[in-house]
Amino acid sequence: MDDPFELLAAQVYEDVAVTEVIRPAAVLPESAAREVLVELAMRDVRAGGTWRSSPTLWQRYDVPWNGPDATGPGDAVLIGSMHVAYGVPTRYAITIFRATITTYGRDLGWHVEALCDEALSFGGYTLADCPRATLTPPPKPFRMRG
């Protein structure tokens, strides 16, 4: 973890064991994205499942939330997170660009590929066979002529 941003993230989150930037980013096509979102919603931590999802972050817990009225984690411990972007690169696609495994998750035997594979399997994909974002070279820098 030599990247300064990754070191800062590790300090902020304290219990991060592994963070992997997925390059090129994995792109979940529209039909699979819908299936994954439905399955994540059905497996929500507040409804007896182990996933908590938002348009930017999918989190996997070890057990369903059992805090007061299931509104907080209670005894549930975070295993890992997937950083996602909805509507990128196309309107209904979902891009997965980073995954993080906590120290607790690593101790349970989790790794980035297993975390991603569990979520992506709801749409019939694994991280290895998920389509990838097209990388284009950055634009040439602007130069003044004088």
Protein backbone atom coordinates (compact mmCIF):
# COMPACT_ATOMS: atom_id res chain seq x y z
CA MET A 1 0.00 0.00 0.00
CA ASP A 2 2.42 2.68 -1.25
CA ASP A 3 -0.21 5.03 -2.64
CA PRO A 4 -0.59 8.07 -0.30
CA PHE A 5 -4.37 8.07 -0.83
CA GLU A 6 -4.56 4.41 0.21
CA LEU A 7 -2.45 5.12 3.30
CA LEU A 8 -4.77 7.99 4.24
CA ALA A 9 -7.83 5.78 3.71
CA ALA A 10 -6.29 3.09 5.92
CA GLN A 11 -5.73 5.65 8.68
CA VAL A 12 -9.29 6.94 8.39
CA TYR A 13 -10.88 3.49 8.42
CA GLU A 14 -8.27 2.05 10.83
CA ASP A 15 -9.14 -1.61 10.35
CA VAL A 16 -8.52 -1.87 6.59
CA ALA A 17 -6.41 -4.92 5.79
CA VAL A 18 -6.54 -4.86 1.99
CA THR A 19 -7.61 -2.22 -0.51
CA GLU A 20 -7.44 -2.98 -4.19
CA VAL A 21 -8.09 -0.53 -6.99
CA ILE A 22 -9.75 -2.46 -9.79
CA ARG A 23 -8.03 -1.48 -13.04
CA PRO A 24 -9.44 -1.29 -15.50
CA ALA A 25 -12.66 -0.85 -13.57
CA ALA A 26 -15.26 -3.62 -13.82
CA VAL A 27 -18.47 -2.55 -15.55
CA LEU A 28 -21.66 -4.42 -14.72
CA PRO A 29 -23.98 -4.23 -17.76
CA GLU A 30 -27.53 -2.90 -17.40
CA SER A 31 -29.41 -6.20 -17.19
CA ALA A 32 -27.02 -7.68 -14.63
CA ALA A 33 -26.90 -4.40 -12.69
CA ARG A 34 -30.66 -4.50 -12.17
CA GLU A 35 -30.47 -8.09 -10.93
CA VAL A 36 -27.63 -7.28 -8.53
CA LEU A 37 -29.46 -4.26 -7.10
CA VAL A 38 -32.62 -6.29 -6.52
CA GLU A 39 -30.68 -9.07 -4.79
CA LEU A 40 -28.70 -6.63 -2.62
CA ALA A 41 -31.98 -4.99 -1.57
CA MET A 42 -33.47 -8.39 -0.70
CA ARG A 43 -30.35 -9.16 1.37
CA ASP A 44 -30.28 -5.82 3.21
CA VAL A 45 -28.74 -5.90 6.70
CA ARG A 46 -31.85 -4.25 8.15
CA ALA A 47 -34.05 -7.05 6.79
CA GLY A 48 -32.10 -10.11 7.90
CA GLY A 49 -29.40 -10.06 5.21
CA THR A 50 -25.70 -9.25 5.20
CA TRP A 51 -25.44 -6.46 2.57
CA ARG A 52 -25.87 -2.71 2.86
CA SER A 53 -25.90 -0.85 -0.44
CA SER A 54 -25.96 2.73 -1.64
CA PRO A 55 -25.20 4.34 -5.02
CA THR A 56 -21.53 4.68 -4.03
CA LEU A 57 -20.79 1.84 -1.60
CA TRP A 58 -21.78 -1.80 -1.14
CA GLN A 59 -20.85 -3.22 2.26
CA ARG A 60 -20.81 -6.87 3.36
CA TYR A 61 -21.32 -7.66 7.06
CA ASP A 62 -20.82 -10.95 8.87
CA VAL A 63 -24.38 -11.08 10.25
CA PRO A 64 -27.57 -9.00 9.85
CA TRP A 65 -27.75 -5.79 11.83
CA ASN A 66 -29.13 -6.42 15.29
CA GLY A 67 -28.95 -2.98 16.86
CA PRO A 68 -32.12 -1.31 18.20
CA ASP A 69 -34.88 -1.79 15.60
CA ALA A 70 -32.17 -3.05 13.19
CA THR A 71 -31.18 0.55 12.47
CA GLY A 72 -27.58 0.04 13.56
CA PRO A 73 -24.99 -2.69 13.25
CA GLY A 74 -25.21 -3.90 16.84
CA ASP A 75 -22.93 -6.95 16.91
CA ALA A 76 -22.54 -7.07 13.11
CA VAL A 77 -18.98 -6.48 11.91
CA LEU A 78 -18.00 -5.14 8.49
CA ILE A 79 -16.19 -7.68 6.31
CA GLY A 80 -15.53 -5.49 3.29
CA SER A 81 -16.73 -2.77 0.95
CA MET A 82 -17.04 -2.26 -2.77
CA HIS A 83 -16.82 1.28 -4.11
CA VAL A 84 -19.20 1.68 -7.04
CA ALA A 85 -20.62 4.33 -9.35
CA TYR A 86 -24.13 4.07 -10.79
CA GLY A 87 -24.78 5.31 -14.32
CA VAL A 88 -21.15 5.01 -15.43
CA PRO A 89 -20.10 4.61 -18.25
CA THR A 90 -23.67 4.24 -19.51
CA ARG A 91 -26.91 5.33 -17.90
CA TYR A 92 -27.86 2.02 -16.26
CA ALA A 93 -24.47 0.34 -15.86
CA ILE A 94 -22.61 0.10 -12.56
CA THR A 95 -18.84 0.50 -12.35
CA ILE A 96 -16.85 -1.18 -9.57
CA PHE A 97 -13.56 0.61 -9.09
CA ARG A 98 -12.26 -0.32 -5.63
CA ALA A 99 -12.76 -3.02 -3.02
CA THR A 100 -11.63 -3.10 0.59
CA ILE A 101 -11.41 -5.97 3.05
CA THR A 102 -11.28 -5.20 6.77
CA THR A 103 -8.83 -6.88 9.12
CA TYR A 104 -11.76 -8.86 10.51
CA GLY A 105 -12.79 -9.96 7.02
CA ARG A 106 -9.25 -11.00 6.15
CA ASP A 107 -9.05 -13.01 9.38
CA LEU A 108 -12.23 -14.83 8.30
CA GLY A 109 -10.58 -15.70 4.97
CA TRP A 110 -12.19 -13.05 2.77
CA HIS A 111 -10.27 -11.42 -0.08
CA VAL A 112 -11.17 -8.82 -2.69
CA GLU A 113 -12.09 -11.28 -5.41
CA ALA A 114 -14.38 -13.29 -3.10
CA LEU A 115 -16.19 -10.15 -1.95
CA CYS A 116 -16.72 -8.91 -5.51
CA ASP A 117 -17.68 -12.36 -6.76
CA GLU A 118 -20.41 -12.71 -4.14
CA ALA A 119 -22.08 -9.45 -5.13
CA LEU A 120 -21.55 -9.86 -8.88
CA SER A 121 -22.85 -13.44 -8.82
CA PHE A 122 -26.35 -12.06 -8.23
CA GLY A 123 -26.15 -10.84 -11.84
CA GLY A 124 -24.39 -13.92 -13.21
CA TYR A 125 -20.85 -12.52 -13.18
CA THR A 126 -17.55 -12.88 -11.36
CA LEU A 127 -14.91 -10.19 -11.11
CA ALA A 128 -12.75 -12.13 -13.57
CA ASP A 129 -15.42 -12.28 -16.29
CA CYS A 130 -17.02 -8.87 -15.72
CA PRO A 131 -16.57 -6.50 -18.69
CA ARG A 132 -13.96 -3.79 -18.15
CA ALA A 133 -13.99 -0.05 -18.69
CA THR A 134 -12.26 1.19 -21.80
CA LEU A 135 -9.17 3.13 -20.91
CA THR A 136 -8.37 6.09 -23.10
CA PRO A 137 -5.21 8.15 -22.90
CA PRO A 138 -5.53 11.49 -21.12
CA PRO A 139 -5.83 14.59 -23.31
CA LYS A 140 -2.67 16.42 -24.28
CA PRO A 141 -1.85 19.29 -21.93
CA PHE A 142 -2.81 22.77 -23.01
CA ARG A 143 0.19 24.81 -24.07
CA MET A 144 0.27 28.51 -24.79
CA ARG A 145 2.08 29.56 -27.91
CA GLY A 146 3.99 32.72 -27.60
